[in-house]
Amino acid sequence: MLMLSLLAERELPLQELIELAKRVQIPGYEAVYELVDDAVSEGVIAPCISSGFYLQCEIWDVLKWAKCRPSAKTSQLESALSGACVAGNSK
């Protein structure tokens, strides 16, 4: 509700509200938020829509890639992978 009120009152820039909505509503997006630029530069994914807007399958690919990285935060990624797996099976 707060997000909608901020949008209605134009209190935050539109791009910030879009990013907030993606981080809250798109399964797995929060977990890959800081990793996706590296994943794109390493060729893990090539965004079909545009930079910053990723399909669920692209998010899933980044999660799998990140889990294999030595610097991966295992607990955060395991949780996100579980959620993405469930979300992926719901299609």
C-alpha atoms as a PDB file:
ATOM      1  CA  MET A   1       0.000   0.000   0.000  1.00  0.00           C
ATOM      2  CA  LEU A   2       2.883   2.341   0.824  1.00  0.00           C
ATOM      3  CA  MET A   3       4.367   1.826  -2.632  1.00  0.00           C
ATOM      4  CA  LEU A   4       1.045   2.713  -4.253  1.00  0.00           C
ATOM      5  CA  SER A   5       0.706   5.852  -2.139  1.00  0.00           C
ATOM      6  CA  LEU A   6       4.235   6.944  -3.085  1.00  0.00           C
ATOM      7  CA  LEU A   7       3.382   6.401  -6.724  1.00  0.00           C
ATOM      8  CA  ALA A   8       0.123   8.345  -6.399  1.00  0.00           C
ATOM      9  CA  GLU A   9       1.850  11.268  -4.700  1.00  0.00           C
ATOM     10  CA  ARG A  10       4.869  11.163  -7.054  1.00  0.00           C
ATOM     11  CA  GLU A  11       7.157  11.171  -3.997  1.00  0.00           C
ATOM     12  CA  LEU A  12       9.766   8.819  -5.465  1.00  0.00           C
ATOM     13  CA  PRO A  13      11.240   8.678  -8.955  1.00  0.00           C
ATOM     14  CA  LEU A  14       9.464   6.173 -11.187  1.00  0.00           C
ATOM     15  CA  GLN A  15      12.644   4.118 -11.721  1.00  0.00           C
ATOM     16  CA  GLU A  16      13.042   3.592  -7.966  1.00  0.00           C
ATOM     17  CA  LEU A  17       9.441   2.425  -7.674  1.00  0.00           C
ATOM     18  CA  ILE A  18       9.879   0.033 -10.602  1.00  0.00           C
ATOM     19  CA  GLU A  19      13.024  -1.419  -9.016  1.00  0.00           C
ATOM     20  CA  LEU A  20      11.269  -1.804  -5.663  1.00  0.00           C
ATOM     21  CA  ALA A  21       8.359  -3.592  -7.319  1.00  0.00           C
ATOM     22  CA  LYS A  22      10.727  -5.996  -9.119  1.00  0.00           C
ATOM     23  CA  ARG A  23      12.642  -6.764  -5.931  1.00  0.00           C
ATOM     24  CA  VAL A  24       9.455  -7.479  -3.983  1.00  0.00           C
ATOM     25  CA  GLN A  25       7.282  -9.185  -6.610  1.00  0.00           C
ATOM     26  CA  ILE A  26       9.590 -11.132  -8.956  1.00  0.00           C
ATOM     27  CA  PRO A  27      10.689 -14.504  -7.491  1.00  0.00           C
ATOM     28  CA  GLY A  28      14.478 -14.723  -7.237  1.00  0.00           C
ATOM     29  CA  TYR A  29      15.122 -11.143  -8.387  1.00  0.00           C
ATOM     30  CA  GLU A  30      16.290  -9.956  -4.958  1.00  0.00           C
ATOM     31  CA  ALA A  31      18.854 -12.774  -4.800  1.00  0.00           C
ATOM     32  CA  VAL A  32      20.321 -11.991  -8.245  1.00  0.00           C
ATOM     33  CA  TYR A  33      20.013  -8.207  -7.983  1.00  0.00           C
ATOM     34  CA  GLU A  34      23.737  -7.661  -7.282  1.00  0.00           C
ATOM     35  CA  LEU A  35      24.953 -10.566  -9.458  1.00  0.00           C
ATOM     36  CA  VAL A  36      23.142 -10.064 -12.731  1.00  0.00           C
ATOM     37  CA  ASP A  37      25.620  -7.575 -14.235  1.00  0.00           C
ATOM     38  CA  ASP A  38      28.474 -10.057 -13.714  1.00  0.00           C
ATOM     39  CA  ALA A  39      26.344 -12.871 -15.138  1.00  0.00           C
ATOM     40  CA  VAL A  40      25.592 -10.826 -18.273  1.00  0.00           C
ATOM     41  CA  SER A  41      29.248  -9.833 -18.749  1.00  0.00           C
ATOM     42  CA  GLU A  42      30.327 -13.482 -18.360  1.00  0.00           C
ATOM     43  CA  GLY A  43      27.736 -14.609 -20.909  1.00  0.00           C
ATOM     44  CA  VAL A  44      25.564 -16.549 -18.479  1.00  0.00           C
ATOM     45  CA  ILE A  45      22.478 -14.765 -19.800  1.00  0.00           C
ATOM     46  CA  ALA A  46      21.637 -12.351 -22.587  1.00  0.00           C
ATOM     47  CA  PRO A  47      18.527 -10.474 -21.465  1.00  0.00           C
ATOM     48  CA  CYS A  48      15.647 -11.035 -23.886  1.00  0.00           C
ATOM     49  CA  ILE A  49      13.733  -7.928 -22.811  1.00  0.00           C
ATOM     50  CA  SER A  50      16.353  -5.344 -21.809  1.00  0.00           C
ATOM     51  CA  SER A  51      18.885  -4.623 -19.106  1.00  0.00           C
ATOM     52  CA  GLY A  52      17.176  -4.627 -15.720  1.00  0.00           C
ATOM     53  CA  PHE A  53      14.172  -6.621 -16.934  1.00  0.00           C
ATOM     54  CA  TYR A  54      14.782 -10.358 -16.776  1.00  0.00           C
ATOM     55  CA  LEU A  55      12.622 -13.351 -17.586  1.00  0.00           C
ATOM     56  CA  GLN A  56      12.070 -15.912 -14.844  1.00  0.00           C
ATOM     57  CA  CYS A  57      14.236 -18.434 -16.720  1.00  0.00           C
ATOM     58  CA  GLU A  58      17.090 -15.888 -16.877  1.00  0.00           C
ATOM     59  CA  ILE A  59      16.835 -15.284 -13.136  1.00  0.00           C
ATOM     60  CA  TRP A  60      16.879 -19.042 -12.596  1.00  0.00           C
ATOM     61  CA  ASP A  61      20.039 -19.355 -14.769  1.00  0.00           C
ATOM     62  CA  VAL A  62      21.785 -16.635 -12.751  1.00  0.00           C
ATOM     63  CA  LEU A  63      20.821 -18.356  -9.484  1.00  0.00           C
ATOM     64  CA  LYS A  64      22.262 -21.669 -10.693  1.00  0.00           C
ATOM     65  CA  TRP A  65      25.429 -19.931 -11.930  1.00  0.00           C
ATOM     66  CA  ALA A  66      25.840 -17.992  -8.678  1.00  0.00           C
ATOM     67  CA  LYS A  67      25.531 -21.144  -6.597  1.00  0.00           C
ATOM     68  CA  CYS A  68      28.642 -22.540  -8.312  1.00  0.00           C
ATOM     69  CA  ARG A  69      30.701 -19.405  -7.712  1.00  0.00           C
ATOM     70  CA  PRO A  70      33.267 -19.607  -4.887  1.00  0.00           C
ATOM     71  CA  SER A  71      31.966 -16.362  -3.348  1.00  0.00           C
ATOM     72  CA  ALA A  72      28.331 -17.484  -3.303  1.00  0.00           C
ATOM     73  CA  LYS A  73      26.414 -16.910  -0.075  1.00  0.00           C
ATOM     74  CA  THR A  74      25.027 -20.418   0.174  1.00  0.00           C
ATOM     75  CA  SER A  75      22.090 -19.859   2.505  1.00  0.00           C
ATOM     76  CA  GLN A  76      20.711 -16.889   0.548  1.00  0.00           C
ATOM     77  CA  LEU A  77      21.097 -18.668  -2.797  1.00  0.00           C
ATOM     78  CA  GLU A  78      19.683 -21.977  -1.526  1.00  0.00           C
ATOM     79  CA  SER A  79      16.590 -20.139  -0.331  1.00  0.00           C
ATOM     80  CA  ALA A  80      16.224 -18.310  -3.632  1.00  0.00           C
ATOM     81  CA  LEU A  81      16.771 -21.509  -5.614  1.00  0.00           C
ATOM     82  CA  SER A  82      14.023 -23.227  -3.653  1.00  0.00           C
ATOM     83  CA  GLY A  83      11.652 -20.358  -4.358  1.00  0.00           C
ATOM     84  CA  ALA A  84      12.601 -20.179  -8.043  1.00  0.00           C
ATOM     85  CA  CYS A  85      12.170 -23.920  -8.378  1.00  0.00           C
ATOM     86  CA  VAL A  86       8.693 -23.710  -6.944  1.00  0.00           C
ATOM     87  CA  ALA A  87       7.868 -20.692  -9.118  1.00  0.00           C
ATOM     88  CA  GLY A  88       9.278 -22.467 -12.176  1.00  0.00           C
ATOM     89  CA  ASN A  89       7.110 -25.526 -11.556  1.00  0.00           C
ATOM     90  CA  SER A  90       3.959 -23.435 -11.316  1.00  0.00           C
ATOM     91  CA  LYS A  91       3.935 -22.633 -15.045  1.00  0.00           C
END
